[in-house]
Amino acid sequence: MKDYRYFGTTTSDTLYLRTAGTNTVIAQYPPAGSGGFTPSTQRVYTLYARGKTGVSGRTPSLALYTNR
């Protein structure tokens, strides 16, 4: 992921990290089964991706931090 993205909604949604050029989902936020992500006005969020596909014990995941 790169650049800033504007979320023009305040409804609950799920953010997906996909392999470039494909529809293959490798991670999502929030994790499956834990509800949805609801952005708030006047907030800045940072998503951190970590892990590696195909490597035992390093399953890709996303973490979200609220900066402001």
C-alpha atoms as a PDB file:
ATOM      1  CA  MET A   1       0.000   0.000   0.000  1.00  0.00           C
ATOM      2  CA  LYS A   2       1.162   3.511  -0.574  1.00  0.00           C
ATOM      3  CA  ASP A   3      -0.117   7.061  -0.602  1.00  0.00           C
ATOM      4  CA  TYR A   4      -2.999   8.446   1.401  1.00  0.00           C
ATOM      5  CA  ARG A   5      -6.521   7.155   0.905  1.00  0.00           C
ATOM      6  CA  TYR A   6      -9.644   9.069   1.834  1.00  0.00           C
ATOM      7  CA  PHE A   7     -12.470   7.075   3.434  1.00  0.00           C
ATOM      8  CA  GLY A   8     -15.638   8.951   2.567  1.00  0.00           C
ATOM      9  CA  THR A   9     -17.816   6.842   4.794  1.00  0.00           C
ATOM     10  CA  THR A  10     -18.638   6.311   8.435  1.00  0.00           C
ATOM     11  CA  THR A  11     -20.209   2.892   7.968  1.00  0.00           C
ATOM     12  CA  SER A  12     -18.659  -0.351   9.135  1.00  0.00           C
ATOM     13  CA  ASP A  13     -16.478  -2.053   6.540  1.00  0.00           C
ATOM     14  CA  THR A  14     -13.553  -4.445   6.116  1.00  0.00           C
ATOM     15  CA  LEU A  15     -10.156  -3.470   4.657  1.00  0.00           C
ATOM     16  CA  TYR A  16      -8.443  -6.102   2.499  1.00  0.00           C
ATOM     17  CA  LEU A  17      -4.771  -6.503   1.581  1.00  0.00           C
ATOM     18  CA  ARG A  18      -4.444  -8.278  -1.757  1.00  0.00           C
ATOM     19  CA  THR A  19      -1.597  -9.541  -3.860  1.00  0.00           C
ATOM     20  CA  ALA A  20      -0.845  -6.868  -6.491  1.00  0.00           C
ATOM     21  CA  GLY A  21      -2.734  -7.416  -9.730  1.00  0.00           C
ATOM     22  CA  THR A  22      -4.931 -10.199  -8.330  1.00  0.00           C
ATOM     23  CA  ASN A  23      -8.048 -10.710  -6.231  1.00  0.00           C
ATOM     24  CA  THR A  24      -6.155 -12.935  -3.770  1.00  0.00           C
ATOM     25  CA  VAL A  25      -6.776 -11.657  -0.216  1.00  0.00           C
ATOM     26  CA  ILE A  26      -3.748 -12.255   2.014  1.00  0.00           C
ATOM     27  CA  ALA A  27      -4.910 -10.302   5.090  1.00  0.00           C
ATOM     28  CA  GLN A  28      -7.866  -8.250   6.271  1.00  0.00           C
ATOM     29  CA  TYR A  29      -8.689  -5.736   8.996  1.00  0.00           C
ATOM     30  CA  PRO A  30     -10.413  -6.390  11.259  1.00  0.00           C
ATOM     31  CA  PRO A  31      -9.674 -10.126  11.407  1.00  0.00           C
ATOM     32  CA  ALA A  32     -12.520 -12.360  10.235  1.00  0.00           C
ATOM     33  CA  GLY A  33     -15.320 -12.735  12.775  1.00  0.00           C
ATOM     34  CA  SER A  34     -14.459  -9.684  14.888  1.00  0.00           C
ATOM     35  CA  GLY A  35     -16.872  -7.098  13.507  1.00  0.00           C
ATOM     36  CA  GLY A  36     -16.030  -4.253  11.171  1.00  0.00           C
ATOM     37  CA  PHE A  37     -13.858  -1.156  10.917  1.00  0.00           C
ATOM     38  CA  THR A  38     -15.768   2.114  11.278  1.00  0.00           C
ATOM     39  CA  PRO A  39     -13.735   5.210  10.372  1.00  0.00           C
ATOM     40  CA  SER A  40     -14.425   8.426  12.271  1.00  0.00           C
ATOM     41  CA  THR A  41     -14.232  12.005  11.048  1.00  0.00           C
ATOM     42  CA  GLN A  42     -11.058  14.017  11.718  1.00  0.00           C
ATOM     43  CA  ARG A  43      -8.969  10.861  12.268  1.00  0.00           C
ATOM     44  CA  VAL A  44      -5.776   9.641  10.638  1.00  0.00           C
ATOM     45  CA  TYR A  45      -5.205   5.883  10.502  1.00  0.00           C
ATOM     46  CA  THR A  46      -2.052   3.933   9.719  1.00  0.00           C
ATOM     47  CA  LEU A  47      -2.176   0.305   8.589  1.00  0.00           C
ATOM     48  CA  TYR A  48       0.853  -1.900   9.190  1.00  0.00           C
ATOM     49  CA  ALA A  49       1.210  -5.139   7.248  1.00  0.00           C
ATOM     50  CA  ARG A  50       3.496  -7.878   8.505  1.00  0.00           C
ATOM     51  CA  GLY A  51       4.203 -11.527   7.772  1.00  0.00           C
ATOM     52  CA  LYS A  52       4.991 -13.491   4.643  1.00  0.00           C
ATOM     53  CA  THR A  53       2.839 -15.758   2.532  1.00  0.00           C
ATOM     54  CA  GLY A  54       3.966 -19.358   2.264  1.00  0.00           C
ATOM     55  CA  VAL A  55       6.221 -19.261   5.346  1.00  0.00           C
ATOM     56  CA  SER A  56       5.264 -21.326   8.390  1.00  0.00           C
ATOM     57  CA  GLY A  57       4.603 -19.210  11.486  1.00  0.00           C
ATOM     58  CA  ARG A  58       4.613 -15.880   9.597  1.00  0.00           C
ATOM     59  CA  THR A  59       0.984 -15.575   8.489  1.00  0.00           C
ATOM     60  CA  PRO A  60       0.318 -12.107   7.022  1.00  0.00           C
ATOM     61  CA  SER A  61      -1.769  -9.759   9.178  1.00  0.00           C
ATOM     62  CA  LEU A  62      -2.788  -6.109   9.356  1.00  0.00           C
ATOM     63  CA  ALA A  63      -2.687  -3.827  12.397  1.00  0.00           C
ATOM     64  CA  LEU A  64      -4.449  -0.457  12.527  1.00  0.00           C
ATOM     65  CA  TYR A  65      -3.262   2.505  14.571  1.00  0.00           C
ATOM     66  CA  THR A  66      -5.126   5.760  15.101  1.00  0.00           C
ATOM     67  CA  ASN A  67      -2.688   8.658  14.763  1.00  0.00           C
ATOM     68  CA  ARG A  68      -5.056  11.493  15.523  1.00  0.00           C
END
